[in-house]
Amino acid sequence: MHHGPAHASRVACVSGGLSPSCANRREANLSTASQRLRLLAAALAVLIPSACTAFPTLAERTNLLAPTLEYYAPETGSGRAPLVILVSGCGGLHGLQGPKTVMKNYAGAATRAGAYAVVMDSFASRGIPFDDAVSTVCSGLRLHGNERAGDIIATEALARAHWNVDFSGVILAGWSHGGWAVMELLSAGPRATNIAGFRIDKASPALTPDAVALFYPYCGFLNATGRSTWDFKGPLLYLNASTNAPAAGEECTTAITRARGGADGVTQVDYPNTHAFDEEDQVPGSEFIYDPEATQRALALFEGFIRDQATRLR
């Protein structure tokens, strides 16, 4: 099912790369983030040991993330409500022009639907500025999705302590690289004791989410989903936006279906848009095209999904 108008034109670097400025930035000769991840996958899988990571304990990880989390309380409703953990893409929450709006927009949709929302920042917490995130995280050189999976567990613990309420459930929502992180958590499963060096000493509700939303996630070779079987069989919303790389969308559909053992419970919505179509503060020269109409539809879709889950879990 398709939402939003198709674009008649697209902005791209001459090299076809993702770059803050096609003319003078060092990323100009690189391909898009998803393309680079696929090209580097085989080498990185061998060269970068997944068992090693900084901040390996829950205490260390919560101390790392606590100063950078953004909390949003429900706008409507009363009684118990679910927690939505929003996990951003590899560009983080701050761009060349200051704070980005995309995660704030979706957090607002979640709170309008009657949920608590917390936005996770894996980048400012580690001192990774936007330029470095684009050139090293988006390219797959560091901070893989499985490392950020540990951040999700820490974020859930911090949100629980922040509000000191009994959430009716936990919903995970990830965009692009953040979708990869969510999928790594699902691939690790509820009995995991270690994810990329992050030690799990006790059960976390984040390991058994009640629902999941994935917006144009990275599903290539570095993502363990293609080699995993998920315990998670709850409601899953998958928004595919991949006109700039159609094979990437198909790859995700296949990986999710295989991991779940079928398509039951999966709602896939295909948008005729590029990756990151909902980021209004795109950098000059990016081949990702902001579409305001499609963005509003995506926000309404997400809000409806969260509202349905909040009602179901109440």
Protein backbone atom coordinates (compact mmCIF):
# COMPACT_ATOMS: atom_id res chain seq x y z
CA MET A 1 0.00 0.00 0.00
CA HIS A 2 1.44 3.35 -1.01
CA HIS A 3 1.06 6.73 0.65
CA GLY A 4 2.15 10.16 -0.52
CA PRO A 5 2.99 11.46 -3.98
CA ALA A 6 6.01 10.25 -5.89
CA HIS A 7 8.63 12.87 -6.64
CA ALA A 8 9.36 13.79 -10.24
CA SER A 9 12.91 14.76 -9.45
CA ARG A 10 15.58 13.95 -6.92
CA VAL A 11 18.62 15.75 -5.55
CA ALA A 12 21.82 13.75 -5.74
CA CYS A 13 25.53 14.34 -5.70
CA VAL A 14 27.34 13.77 -8.95
CA SER A 15 29.08 10.89 -7.25
CA GLY A 16 25.78 9.50 -5.92
CA GLY A 17 27.03 9.97 -2.36
CA LEU A 18 25.48 11.10 0.92
CA SER A 19 27.13 14.40 1.80
CA PRO A 20 26.41 17.56 3.77
CA SER A 21 27.73 19.51 0.79
CA CYS A 22 28.41 17.87 -2.54
CA ALA A 23 30.89 20.54 -3.49
CA ASN A 24 33.28 20.67 -0.60
CA ARG A 25 32.70 18.07 2.08
CA ARG A 26 34.79 14.95 2.47
CA GLU A 27 31.78 12.65 2.16
CA ALA A 28 31.13 13.79 -1.40
CA ASN A 29 32.77 10.76 -2.98
CA LEU A 30 31.07 8.24 -0.74
CA SER A 31 27.93 6.33 -1.62
CA THR A 32 24.80 6.47 0.51
CA ALA A 33 24.92 5.11 4.04
CA SER A 34 23.10 1.92 3.12
CA GLN A 35 25.29 1.34 0.07
CA ARG A 36 28.44 1.84 2.10
CA LEU A 37 27.23 -0.57 4.75
CA ARG A 38 26.71 -3.28 2.15
CA LEU A 39 30.12 -2.69 0.56
CA LEU A 40 31.92 -2.79 3.90
CA ALA A 41 29.89 -5.61 5.43
CA ALA A 42 32.11 -8.59 4.74
CA ALA A 43 35.31 -6.84 5.79
CA LEU A 44 33.87 -5.22 8.90
CA ALA A 45 32.22 -8.41 10.10
CA VAL A 46 35.68 -9.94 10.29
CA LEU A 47 37.74 -6.96 11.37
CA ILE A 48 35.54 -5.47 14.08
CA PRO A 49 35.01 -7.79 17.06
CA SER A 50 31.42 -7.57 18.28
CA ALA A 51 32.33 -8.83 21.75
CA CYS A 52 34.14 -5.61 22.71
CA THR A 53 32.38 -2.41 23.64
CA ALA A 54 32.74 0.53 25.97
CA PHE A 55 30.34 1.02 28.91
CA PRO A 56 29.63 -2.73 29.29
CA THR A 57 27.44 -2.60 32.41
CA LEU A 58 23.96 -1.17 32.94
CA ALA A 59 25.29 1.32 35.49
CA GLU A 60 27.94 2.59 33.09
CA ARG A 61 25.54 2.78 30.17
CA THR A 62 22.85 4.63 32.12
CA ASN A 63 25.42 7.12 33.38
CA LEU A 64 26.51 7.66 29.78
CA LEU A 65 23.02 8.23 28.38
CA ALA A 66 21.23 9.98 31.24
CA PRO A 67 22.28 13.57 30.38
CA THR A 68 21.11 13.33 26.77
CA LEU A 69 17.70 11.60 26.95
CA GLU A 70 14.57 13.55 26.03
CA TYR A 71 11.38 12.75 27.96
CA TYR A 72 7.79 13.40 26.83
CA ALA A 73 4.74 12.66 29.01
CA PRO A 74 1.33 11.65 27.59
CA GLU A 75 -0.82 14.55 26.45
CA THR A 76 -4.13 12.78 26.94
CA GLY A 77 -5.71 9.93 28.83
CA SER A 78 -5.41 8.69 32.35
CA GLY A 79 -4.33 5.51 34.01
CA ARG A 80 -1.54 3.21 32.91
CA ALA A 81 0.15 3.89 29.58
CA PRO A 82 2.95 2.29 27.57
CA LEU A 83 6.47 3.60 27.14
CA VAL A 84 7.68 4.26 23.60
CA ILE A 85 11.46 4.28 23.13
CA LEU A 86 12.42 6.21 19.98
CA VAL A 87 15.78 5.34 18.43
CA SER A 88 17.08 7.79 15.83
CA GLY A 89 19.03 7.19 12.65
CA CYS A 90 22.81 7.39 12.33
CA GLY A 91 22.81 11.19 11.96
CA GLY A 92 21.71 11.58 15.56
CA LEU A 93 19.55 14.34 17.02
CA HIS A 94 21.74 17.29 16.02
CA GLY A 95 22.59 18.35 12.48
CA LEU A 96 24.66 21.07 10.85
CA GLN A 97 21.94 23.60 11.59
CA GLY A 98 21.30 22.62 15.20
CA PRO A 99 18.77 20.25 16.81
CA LYS A 100 16.79 18.12 14.38
CA THR A 101 13.02 17.96 14.54
CA VAL A 102 12.26 14.47 13.23
CA MET A 103 12.36 12.58 16.55
CA LYS A 104 10.55 15.39 18.37
CA ASN A 105 7.78 15.12 15.78
CA TYR A 106 7.36 11.39 16.33
CA ALA A 107 7.62 11.74 20.11
CA GLY A 108 4.78 14.25 19.91
CA ALA A 109 2.73 11.75 17.92
CA ALA A 110 3.34 9.11 20.61
CA THR A 111 2.26 11.40 23.44
CA ARG A 112 -0.87 12.46 21.55
CA ALA A 113 -1.68 8.77 21.31
CA GLY A 114 -1.55 8.53 25.10
CA ALA A 115 1.94 7.07 25.61
CA TYR A 116 5.07 8.08 27.43
CA ALA A 117 7.95 8.71 25.04
CA VAL A 118 11.70 8.86 25.49
CA VAL A 119 14.13 9.75 22.71
CA MET A 120 17.49 8.03 22.92
CA ASP A 121 20.69 9.82 21.90
CA SER A 122 23.60 7.46 21.27
CA PHE A 123 25.76 10.17 19.69
CA ALA A 124 25.89 13.31 21.86
CA SER A 125 26.36 11.00 24.84
CA ARG A 126 29.52 9.63 23.19
CA GLY A 127 30.74 12.99 21.91
CA ILE A 128 30.12 12.08 18.26
CA PRO A 129 29.19 15.22 16.26
CA PHE A 130 27.09 15.09 13.12
CA ASP A 131 29.99 15.13 10.64
CA ASP A 132 31.71 12.25 12.41
CA ALA A 133 28.45 10.33 12.69
CA VAL A 134 27.89 10.59 8.93
CA SER A 135 31.42 9.54 8.03
CA THR A 136 31.95 6.79 10.61
CA VAL A 137 28.60 5.56 11.99
CA CYS A 138 26.53 5.80 8.82
CA SER A 139 29.37 4.12 6.94
CA GLY A 140 29.49 1.19 9.36
CA LEU A 141 32.96 1.96 10.70
CA ARG A 142 31.84 2.19 14.33
CA LEU A 143 28.86 2.04 16.69
CA HIS A 144 26.97 -0.78 15.01
CA GLY A 145 23.33 -1.48 15.67
CA ASN A 146 24.12 -4.21 18.18
CA GLU A 147 26.11 -1.73 20.28
CA ARG A 148 23.17 0.67 20.35
CA ALA A 149 20.90 -2.21 21.37
CA GLY A 150 22.45 -1.96 24.82
CA ASP A 151 21.52 1.71 24.84
CA ILE A 152 17.87 0.73 24.44
CA ILE A 153 17.99 -1.41 27.58
CA ALA A 154 19.62 1.43 29.50
CA THR A 155 17.08 3.93 28.18
CA GLU A 156 14.18 1.79 29.39
CA ALA A 157 15.73 1.64 32.86
CA LEU A 158 16.27 5.40 32.91
CA ALA A 159 12.70 6.12 31.79
CA ARG A 160 11.31 3.85 34.48
CA ALA A 161 13.35 5.67 37.11
CA HIS A 162 12.49 9.10 35.67
CA TRP A 163 8.71 8.66 35.83
CA ASN A 164 8.53 6.03 38.59
CA VAL A 165 5.35 4.59 37.12
CA ASP A 166 4.25 1.13 36.12
CA PHE A 167 4.16 1.29 32.33
CA SER A 168 1.47 -0.83 30.72
CA GLY A 169 4.00 -2.04 28.17
CA VAL A 170 7.08 -1.15 26.16
CA ILE A 171 7.06 -0.22 22.47
CA LEU A 172 10.29 0.05 20.50
CA ALA A 173 10.49 2.39 17.51
CA GLY A 174 13.56 2.80 15.32
CA TRP A 175 14.45 4.81 12.23
CA SER A 176 17.18 3.69 9.80
CA HIS A 177 20.24 2.85 11.93
CA GLY A 178 17.94 2.99 14.95
CA GLY A 179 15.73 0.38 13.32
CA TRP A 180 18.82 -1.78 12.98
CA ALA A 181 19.47 -1.35 16.73
CA VAL A 182 15.91 -2.42 17.56
CA MET A 183 16.20 -5.45 15.29
CA GLU A 184 19.47 -6.46 16.97
CA LEU A 185 17.69 -6.42 20.33
CA LEU A 186 14.96 -8.66 18.92
CA SER A 187 17.60 -10.95 17.43
CA ALA A 188 19.33 -11.24 20.81
CA GLY A 189 16.03 -12.31 22.35
CA PRO A 190 14.66 -12.34 25.89
CA ARG A 191 17.24 -14.80 27.23
CA ALA A 192 20.26 -12.78 26.10
CA THR A 193 23.02 -12.24 28.66
CA ASN A 194 25.32 -10.21 26.41
CA ILE A 195 24.83 -7.99 23.36
CA ALA A 196 28.03 -6.82 21.68
CA GLY A 197 29.84 -6.78 25.03
CA PHE A 198 27.00 -5.14 26.98
CA ARG A 199 26.26 -7.41 29.92
CA ILE A 200 22.63 -8.17 30.77
CA ASP A 201 22.45 -9.25 34.39
CA LYS A 202 18.68 -9.19 34.79
CA ALA A 203 15.60 -9.30 32.61
CA SER A 204 14.62 -6.07 30.89
CA PRO A 205 11.17 -5.25 29.49
CA ALA A 206 13.00 -3.91 26.44
CA LEU A 207 13.95 -7.50 25.59
CA THR A 208 10.29 -8.48 25.46
CA PRO A 209 8.61 -5.52 23.78
CA ASP A 210 4.86 -5.42 23.35
CA ALA A 211 5.03 -3.83 19.89
CA VAL A 212 7.64 -2.56 17.44
CA ALA A 213 7.73 0.12 14.74
CA LEU A 214 10.49 0.12 12.12
CA PHE A 215 10.86 3.04 9.72
CA TYR A 216 13.16 2.35 6.74
CA PRO A 217 15.64 0.28 8.81
CA TYR A 218 19.02 -0.96 7.65
CA CYS A 219 18.69 -4.71 7.10
CA GLY A 220 21.95 -5.60 5.33
CA PHE A 221 24.58 -8.18 6.21
CA LEU A 222 25.73 -6.47 9.40
CA ASN A 223 22.19 -6.79 10.78
CA ALA A 224 21.90 -10.15 12.56
CA THR A 225 18.18 -10.42 11.74
CA GLY A 226 18.90 -12.24 8.50
CA ARG A 227 20.55 -14.99 10.52
CA SER A 228 18.17 -15.00 13.51
CA THR A 229 14.83 -16.29 14.71
CA TRP A 230 12.86 -13.84 16.81
CA ASP A 231 10.78 -14.74 19.83
CA PHE A 232 8.92 -11.48 19.26
CA LYS A 233 5.63 -12.11 17.45
CA GLY A 234 3.74 -9.00 18.58
CA PRO A 235 2.39 -6.20 16.39
CA LEU A 236 5.04 -4.81 14.07
CA LEU A 237 4.68 -1.75 11.85
CA TYR A 238 7.23 -1.62 9.03
CA LEU A 239 7.37 1.52 6.90
CA ASN A 240 9.41 0.94 3.76
CA ALA A 241 10.76 4.05 2.03
CA SER A 242 13.55 3.08 -0.32
CA THR A 243 13.10 4.55 -3.79
CA ASN A 244 16.78 5.50 -3.67
CA ALA A 245 17.70 1.85 -2.98
CA PRO A 246 14.75 -0.48 -3.76
CA ALA A 247 16.69 -3.63 -2.94
CA ALA A 248 17.14 -2.42 0.63
CA GLY A 249 13.38 -2.40 1.19
CA GLU A 250 12.99 -5.88 -0.22
CA GLU A 251 15.87 -7.05 1.97
CA CYS A 252 14.03 -5.84 5.07
CA THR A 253 10.76 -7.49 4.11
CA THR A 254 12.56 -10.81 3.64
CA ALA A 255 14.60 -10.53 6.84
CA ILE A 256 11.63 -9.60 9.03
CA THR A 257 9.40 -12.33 7.59
CA ARG A 258 12.06 -15.01 8.04
CA ALA A 259 12.94 -13.93 11.57
CA ARG A 260 9.29 -14.03 12.63
CA GLY A 261 8.50 -17.23 10.76
CA GLY A 262 5.88 -15.51 8.62
CA ALA A 263 4.11 -12.22 8.05
CA ASP A 264 1.37 -12.62 10.67
CA GLY A 265 1.19 -9.52 12.83
CA VAL A 266 3.30 -7.45 10.44
CA THR A 267 1.84 -4.34 8.84
CA GLN A 268 4.02 -3.18 5.96
CA VAL A 269 3.36 0.22 4.43
CA ASP A 270 5.32 1.20 1.31
CA TYR A 271 5.94 4.89 0.63
CA PRO A 272 7.17 6.03 -2.80
CA ASN A 273 9.85 8.12 -1.12
CA THR A 274 13.53 8.08 -0.37
CA HIS A 275 15.10 7.00 2.86
CA ALA A 276 14.70 9.70 5.57
CA PHE A 277 11.89 11.45 3.69
CA ASP A 278 10.59 12.70 7.06
CA GLU A 279 13.68 14.73 8.00
CA GLU A 280 12.90 18.32 7.07
CA ASP A 281 16.40 19.54 7.88
CA GLN A 282 18.21 17.63 5.15
CA VAL A 283 21.77 18.74 4.45
CA PRO A 284 22.59 20.33 1.09
CA GLY A 285 23.27 17.77 -1.60
CA SER A 286 21.71 14.81 0.19
CA GLU A 287 19.97 12.38 -2.11
CA PHE A 288 17.35 11.94 0.60
CA ILE A 289 14.38 14.16 -0.22
CA TYR A 290 12.11 15.64 2.43
CA ASP A 291 8.42 15.21 1.61
CA PRO A 292 6.18 17.23 3.96
CA GLU A 293 2.95 15.54 2.86
CA ALA A 294 4.37 12.04 3.26
CA THR A 295 5.81 13.09 6.62
CA GLN A 296 2.38 14.09 7.90
CA ARG A 297 0.98 10.77 6.73
CA ALA A 298 3.80 8.91 8.44
CA LEU A 299 3.22 10.80 11.70
CA ALA A 300 -0.49 9.99 11.53
CA LEU A 301 0.33 6.35 10.79
CA PHE A 302 2.68 6.18 13.77
CA GLU A 303 0.22 7.95 16.06
CA GLY A 304 -2.53 5.55 15.07
CA PHE A 305 -0.28 2.55 15.67
CA ILE A 306 0.74 3.79 19.12
CA ARG A 307 -2.88 4.62 20.01
CA ASP A 308 -3.96 1.11 19.03
CA GLN A 309 -1.23 -0.41 21.20
CA ALA A 310 -1.99 1.89 24.14
CA THR A 311 -5.64 0.82 23.99
CA ARG A 312 -4.69 -2.85 23.71
CA LEU A 313 -2.26 -2.68 26.63
CA ARG A 314 -4.37 -0.56 28.97
